Amino acid sequence: MAGEAEETVEFFCYGPGADLDVVTAEIGHPPIAGKPAVLHGFRLGIQGVENIPDKQMPVPGHPEKMLPDTARGIIGESWGPGFEMYVVRKEKEKSGAQCGLLRNPTFRL
């Protein structure tokens, strides 16, 4: 709309997700920018399917409707019960830091 400020989304990429080809495959086009970034008080971790919350969530933008399955159910069925993924986890002692890239994927809200 004319006169409205355009919102942008930046997201923190780390590990294999910081690779330009991976980000391009995820969003369907190359992101506009990427700059080095550090999340202080966080560390890289590994999360298994059993650690994913097993509760149903509402459909984004439609809180009255629920998704047909839980995140654990969807990931477990798609990738199997032994699947593990990289996650960034908050450290209790806040002494760690996780390096990555801050990317602007050119999404419009």
Protein backbone atom coordinates (compact mmCIF):
# COMPACT_ATOMS: atom_id res chain seq x y z
CA MET A 1 0.00 0.00 0.00
CA ALA A 2 1.23 3.50 -0.78
CA GLY A 3 2.81 5.27 2.15
CA GLU A 4 3.20 2.10 4.28
CA ALA A 5 6.64 1.03 5.46
CA GLU A 6 7.74 -2.31 4.02
CA GLU A 7 8.66 -4.87 6.67
CA THR A 8 11.62 -7.13 6.14
CA VAL A 9 12.61 -10.34 7.85
CA GLU A 10 16.18 -11.22 8.72
CA PHE A 11 17.07 -14.66 9.97
CA PHE A 12 20.12 -16.18 11.58
CA CYS A 13 21.75 -18.95 9.52
CA TYR A 14 24.32 -21.32 10.99
CA GLY A 15 26.01 -24.58 10.09
CA PRO A 16 24.92 -25.97 6.71
CA GLY A 17 21.98 -23.52 6.73
CA ALA A 18 24.40 -20.61 6.23
CA ASP A 19 25.43 -21.91 2.80
CA LEU A 20 24.09 -19.73 -0.03
CA ASP A 21 22.93 -22.75 -2.06
CA VAL A 22 21.00 -24.15 0.93
CA VAL A 23 19.27 -20.81 1.63
CA THR A 24 18.44 -20.39 -2.07
CA ALA A 25 16.88 -23.88 -2.15
CA GLU A 26 14.86 -23.15 1.01
CA ILE A 27 13.36 -19.84 -0.16
CA GLY A 28 13.37 -20.39 -3.93
CA HIS A 29 15.72 -17.53 -4.84
CA PRO A 30 19.02 -16.08 -3.62
CA PRO A 31 18.74 -13.86 -0.54
CA ILE A 32 19.61 -10.19 -0.97
CA ALA A 33 22.27 -10.04 1.71
CA GLY A 34 24.22 -11.89 4.33
CA LYS A 35 26.46 -10.44 7.01
CA PRO A 36 28.46 -12.10 9.78
CA ALA A 37 26.61 -12.26 13.08
CA VAL A 38 27.08 -13.70 16.57
CA LEU A 39 24.38 -14.89 18.98
CA HIS A 40 25.84 -14.38 22.43
CA GLY A 41 24.67 -16.77 25.14
CA PHE A 42 23.83 -19.53 22.63
CA ARG A 43 25.57 -22.69 21.39
CA LEU A 44 25.11 -25.17 18.57
CA GLY A 45 23.30 -28.29 19.72
CA ILE A 46 21.85 -31.48 18.25
CA GLN A 47 18.16 -32.23 18.72
CA GLY A 48 16.57 -35.61 18.10
CA VAL A 49 12.97 -36.26 17.10
CA GLU A 50 12.17 -37.26 20.70
CA ASN A 51 13.10 -33.73 21.84
CA ILE A 52 10.58 -31.98 19.57
CA PRO A 53 7.37 -30.92 21.35
CA ASP A 54 4.54 -33.34 20.70
CA LYS A 55 1.61 -30.94 20.81
CA GLN A 56 -0.67 -29.71 18.10
CA MET A 57 -0.28 -26.11 17.02
CA PRO A 58 -2.69 -23.66 15.41
CA VAL A 59 -2.48 -22.89 11.69
CA PRO A 60 -0.46 -19.65 11.32
CA GLY A 61 -2.89 -16.78 10.83
CA HIS A 62 -5.88 -18.98 11.79
CA PRO A 63 -5.68 -19.63 15.54
CA GLU A 64 -9.10 -21.28 15.50
CA LYS A 65 -7.79 -24.10 13.24
CA MET A 66 -5.26 -26.72 14.30
CA LEU A 67 -2.56 -28.28 12.14
CA PRO A 68 -3.36 -31.94 11.34
CA ASP A 69 -0.26 -33.33 13.11
CA THR A 70 2.42 -32.29 15.59
CA ALA A 71 5.90 -31.16 14.54
CA ARG A 72 7.29 -34.36 16.09
CA GLY A 73 4.83 -36.46 14.10
CA ILE A 74 5.58 -34.73 10.79
CA ILE A 75 9.38 -34.83 11.19
CA GLY A 76 9.39 -38.36 12.63
CA GLU A 77 7.26 -39.69 9.77
CA SER A 78 9.27 -37.87 7.11
CA TRP A 79 12.79 -38.51 8.42
CA GLY A 80 12.44 -41.45 10.80
CA PRO A 81 12.83 -41.76 14.58
CA GLY A 82 16.65 -41.57 14.51
CA PHE A 83 16.77 -38.21 12.71
CA GLU A 84 18.88 -35.48 14.37
CA MET A 85 19.11 -31.81 13.47
CA TYR A 86 21.26 -28.84 14.35
CA VAL A 87 19.67 -26.27 16.65
CA VAL A 88 20.88 -23.19 18.45
CA ARG A 89 20.25 -23.56 22.17
CA LYS A 90 20.37 -20.97 24.91
CA GLU A 91 23.11 -21.48 27.48
CA LYS A 92 22.24 -21.14 31.17
CA GLU A 93 25.59 -19.57 32.00
CA LYS A 94 25.41 -17.28 28.91
CA SER A 95 29.14 -17.68 28.25
CA GLY A 96 28.89 -19.17 24.76
CA ALA A 97 28.51 -17.64 21.35
CA GLN A 98 27.28 -19.07 18.06
CA CYS A 99 28.64 -17.60 14.83
CA GLY A 100 26.59 -17.49 11.66
CA LEU A 101 25.15 -15.16 9.05
CA LEU A 102 22.25 -12.76 9.27
CA ARG A 103 20.38 -13.03 5.98
CA ASN A 104 17.58 -11.04 4.39
CA PRO A 105 15.60 -13.51 2.25
CA THR A 106 13.43 -10.72 0.73
CA PHE A 107 10.22 -12.12 2.19
CA ARG A 108 7.39 -9.62 2.37
CA LEU A 109 5.04 -9.59 5.33
